[in-house]
Amino acid sequence: METKQHSNTPTLHHSITSIAVGIITISDRASAGDYEDLGGPALKEAMQKAGWQVLSEAIIPDDTTRIQETIRSFSRQGCGLILTTGGTGVGPRDVTPEAVHAIMRVELPGFGEVMRAESMKITPNSILSRSLAAIVDSSLVIALPGKPSGAVECLGFVQGAIPHGVALAQRRPTSC
């Protein structure tokens, strides 16, 4: 597992709340070095534009145990938001939703519903996506598509609800 930690991250002025983020690319081929990870860097750029701190990154294979261990590790490191990219399709190695379901406290189905509904306006194949969001330990986990443009688009569709979701995951008082 390739894991990086970052200490100096840019903060944009329009950020209301700083959120510590972990990004996990889930791909057998990228983790083996067979091709360059593009999804993780695309999500990192989007997070930096939002003014959120990317605390941890990893590239791991499509393996249920590795996915679960990495999510839990990032939560322990203080990542209030954990984004995964990859493994949400219907291929035999696409196990990200099952991995998250096995360790989640609660699923937040509205995230997946909105991501699919909005993506349908772009491509009819989005109906095959199994993107989801859930609370795992003290983190909001959002499982995004593996295609970089799809991951960033889906994140944009739900970004407005993320600060409140992270606060609820971390059991912080909110206005609701």
Protein backbone atom coordinates (compact mmCIF):
# COMPACT_ATOMS: atom_id res chain seq x y z
CA MET A 1 0.00 0.00 0.00
CA GLU A 2 1.33 3.39 -0.98
CA THR A 3 0.38 5.93 1.68
CA LYS A 4 1.36 9.59 1.78
CA GLN A 5 0.73 12.13 4.49
CA HIS A 6 0.71 15.85 3.81
CA SER A 7 1.35 18.55 6.37
CA ASN A 8 1.15 21.75 4.33
CA THR A 9 -2.01 22.09 2.32
CA PRO A 10 -3.46 25.19 0.72
CA THR A 11 -6.56 26.73 2.22
CA LEU A 12 -8.87 28.67 -0.07
CA HIS A 13 -10.71 31.71 1.22
CA HIS A 14 -14.16 30.45 0.28
CA SER A 15 -13.97 27.41 2.58
CA ILE A 16 -16.51 27.59 5.39
CA THR A 17 -15.16 24.62 7.30
CA SER A 18 -11.77 22.96 7.02
CA ILE A 19 -12.18 19.24 6.57
CA ALA A 20 -9.39 16.66 6.84
CA VAL A 21 -9.68 14.35 3.85
CA GLY A 22 -8.34 10.90 2.99
CA ILE A 23 -8.30 9.72 -0.62
CA ILE A 24 -8.14 6.03 -1.52
CA THR A 25 -7.70 4.84 -5.08
CA ILE A 26 -8.95 1.26 -5.36
CA SER A 27 -7.46 -0.45 -8.40
CA ASP A 28 -5.57 -3.68 -8.92
CA ARG A 29 -3.70 -2.23 -11.91
CA ALA A 30 -2.83 1.16 -10.40
CA SER A 31 -1.66 -0.44 -7.14
CA ALA A 32 0.58 -2.80 -9.14
CA GLY A 33 2.03 0.13 -11.07
CA ASP A 34 0.55 -1.02 -14.39
CA TYR A 35 -0.91 2.44 -15.00
CA GLU A 36 -0.81 5.86 -13.43
CA ASP A 37 -3.49 6.73 -10.90
CA LEU A 38 -5.49 9.65 -12.28
CA GLY A 39 -8.57 9.45 -10.00
CA GLY A 40 -6.77 10.18 -6.74
CA PRO A 41 -4.97 13.28 -8.08
CA ALA A 42 -8.21 14.59 -9.64
CA LEU A 43 -10.00 14.28 -6.29
CA LYS A 44 -7.04 15.86 -4.47
CA GLU A 45 -7.21 18.88 -6.77
CA ALA A 46 -10.97 19.21 -6.16
CA MET A 47 -10.45 19.04 -2.39
CA GLN A 48 -7.73 21.66 -2.49
CA LYS A 49 -10.00 23.97 -4.53
CA ALA A 50 -12.65 23.51 -1.83
CA GLY A 51 -10.09 24.53 0.78
CA TRP A 52 -10.10 21.15 2.49
CA GLN A 53 -6.90 19.52 3.77
CA VAL A 54 -5.81 16.27 2.11
CA LEU A 55 -4.30 14.44 5.07
CA SER A 56 -3.75 10.93 3.68
CA GLU A 57 -3.68 9.15 0.31
CA ALA A 58 -3.38 5.51 -0.68
CA ILE A 59 -3.48 3.34 -3.78
CA ILE A 60 -4.64 -0.18 -2.96
CA PRO A 61 -5.89 -3.25 -4.85
CA ASP A 62 -9.54 -4.28 -5.18
CA ASP A 63 -9.48 -6.31 -1.98
CA THR A 64 -12.22 -6.12 0.65
CA THR A 65 -9.91 -6.46 3.65
CA ARG A 66 -7.42 -3.87 2.35
CA ILE A 67 -10.25 -1.42 1.62
CA GLN A 68 -11.66 -1.82 5.13
CA GLU A 69 -8.26 -1.56 6.83
CA THR A 70 -7.38 1.59 4.88
CA ILE A 71 -10.71 3.30 5.59
CA ARG A 72 -10.42 2.54 9.30
CA SER A 73 -6.77 3.65 9.37
CA PHE A 74 -7.64 6.97 7.72
CA SER A 75 -10.49 7.49 10.20
CA ARG A 76 -8.11 6.90 13.12
CA GLN A 77 -5.70 9.43 11.55
CA GLY A 78 -8.44 12.07 11.79
CA CYS A 79 -9.87 12.11 8.27
CA GLY A 80 -13.44 13.32 8.69
CA LEU A 81 -14.08 12.70 5.00
CA ILE A 82 -12.76 9.64 3.18
CA LEU A 83 -13.17 9.50 -0.58
CA THR A 84 -12.67 6.27 -2.47
CA THR A 85 -12.39 6.10 -6.24
CA GLY A 86 -12.85 2.81 -8.05
CA GLY A 87 -14.55 -0.50 -7.49
CA THR A 88 -18.14 0.76 -7.68
CA GLY A 89 -19.05 -0.91 -10.98
CA VAL A 90 -20.36 -4.39 -11.62
CA GLY A 91 -17.13 -6.19 -12.53
CA PRO A 92 -16.06 -9.28 -10.59
CA ARG A 93 -13.33 -7.32 -8.74
CA ASP A 94 -15.57 -4.32 -7.95
CA VAL A 95 -15.98 -4.87 -4.20
CA THR A 96 -15.88 -1.35 -2.76
CA PRO A 97 -19.60 -1.14 -1.83
CA GLU A 98 -19.50 -4.55 -0.14
CA ALA A 99 -16.36 -3.58 1.79
CA VAL A 100 -17.96 -0.36 3.04
CA HIS A 101 -21.29 -2.03 3.89
CA ALA A 102 -19.52 -4.57 6.11
CA ILE A 103 -17.98 -1.88 8.36
CA MET A 104 -20.45 1.01 8.19
CA ARG A 105 -22.56 2.23 11.08
CA VAL A 106 -25.19 3.64 8.75
CA GLU A 107 -25.61 4.18 5.00
CA LEU A 108 -26.65 7.57 3.64
CA PRO A 109 -28.60 6.52 0.53
CA GLY A 110 -29.36 10.07 -0.60
CA PHE A 111 -25.74 10.56 -1.68
CA GLY A 112 -25.82 7.60 -4.07
CA GLU A 113 -29.26 8.52 -5.32
CA VAL A 114 -28.22 12.09 -6.16
CA MET A 115 -24.93 11.00 -7.74
CA ARG A 116 -26.71 8.54 -10.03
CA ALA A 117 -29.62 10.88 -10.88
CA GLU A 118 -27.32 13.76 -11.80
CA SER A 119 -24.91 11.47 -13.66
CA MET A 120 -27.80 10.15 -15.77
CA LYS A 121 -27.93 13.62 -17.34
CA ILE A 122 -24.36 13.01 -18.57
CA THR A 123 -24.26 9.30 -19.40
CA PRO A 124 -26.88 6.54 -19.35
CA ASN A 125 -24.24 4.11 -18.08
CA SER A 126 -24.31 5.80 -14.66
CA ILE A 127 -27.31 3.64 -13.82
CA LEU A 128 -24.77 0.81 -13.39
CA SER A 129 -22.85 2.71 -10.68
CA ARG A 130 -22.99 1.52 -7.09
CA SER A 131 -21.57 4.74 -5.61
CA LEU A 132 -22.61 5.30 -2.02
CA ALA A 133 -21.94 7.15 1.20
CA ALA A 134 -21.84 5.84 4.75
CA ILE A 135 -20.62 6.61 8.25
CA VAL A 136 -17.67 4.43 9.23
CA ASP A 137 -16.23 5.01 12.69
CA SER A 138 -15.90 8.84 12.88
CA SER A 139 -15.80 9.50 9.15
CA LEU A 140 -18.09 10.18 6.24
CA VAL A 141 -17.03 7.76 3.50
CA ILE A 142 -18.05 8.44 -0.09
CA ALA A 143 -17.40 5.71 -2.65
CA LEU A 144 -17.00 7.36 -6.05
CA PRO A 145 -16.56 5.99 -9.58
CA GLY A 146 -13.09 5.10 -10.80
CA LYS A 147 -13.17 7.32 -13.88
CA PRO A 148 -11.55 10.63 -12.80
CA SER A 149 -14.14 12.88 -14.47
CA GLY A 150 -16.99 10.80 -13.02
CA ALA A 151 -15.47 10.87 -9.53
CA VAL A 152 -15.07 14.66 -9.55
CA GLU A 153 -18.53 15.22 -11.07
CA CYS A 154 -20.22 12.98 -8.51
CA LEU A 155 -18.36 14.69 -5.69
CA GLY A 156 -19.57 18.04 -6.98
CA PHE A 157 -23.17 16.87 -6.94
CA VAL A 158 -23.04 16.14 -3.18
CA GLN A 159 -20.36 18.55 -1.95
CA GLY A 160 -22.83 20.91 -0.29
CA ALA A 161 -23.94 18.21 2.18
CA ILE A 162 -20.43 17.08 3.10
CA PRO A 163 -19.63 19.52 5.96
CA HIS A 164 -22.86 18.61 7.77
CA GLY A 165 -22.27 14.89 7.11
CA VAL A 166 -18.75 15.09 8.53
CA ALA A 167 -20.00 16.94 11.62
CA LEU A 168 -22.62 14.24 12.21
CA ALA A 169 -20.03 11.47 11.70
CA GLN A 170 -17.79 13.13 14.26
CA ARG A 171 -20.74 13.63 16.62
CA ARG A 172 -20.24 17.41 16.68
CA PRO A 173 -23.21 19.67 17.42
CA THR A 174 -24.94 20.95 14.29
CA SER A 175 -27.69 23.42 13.52
CA CYS A 176 -30.14 20.62 12.67
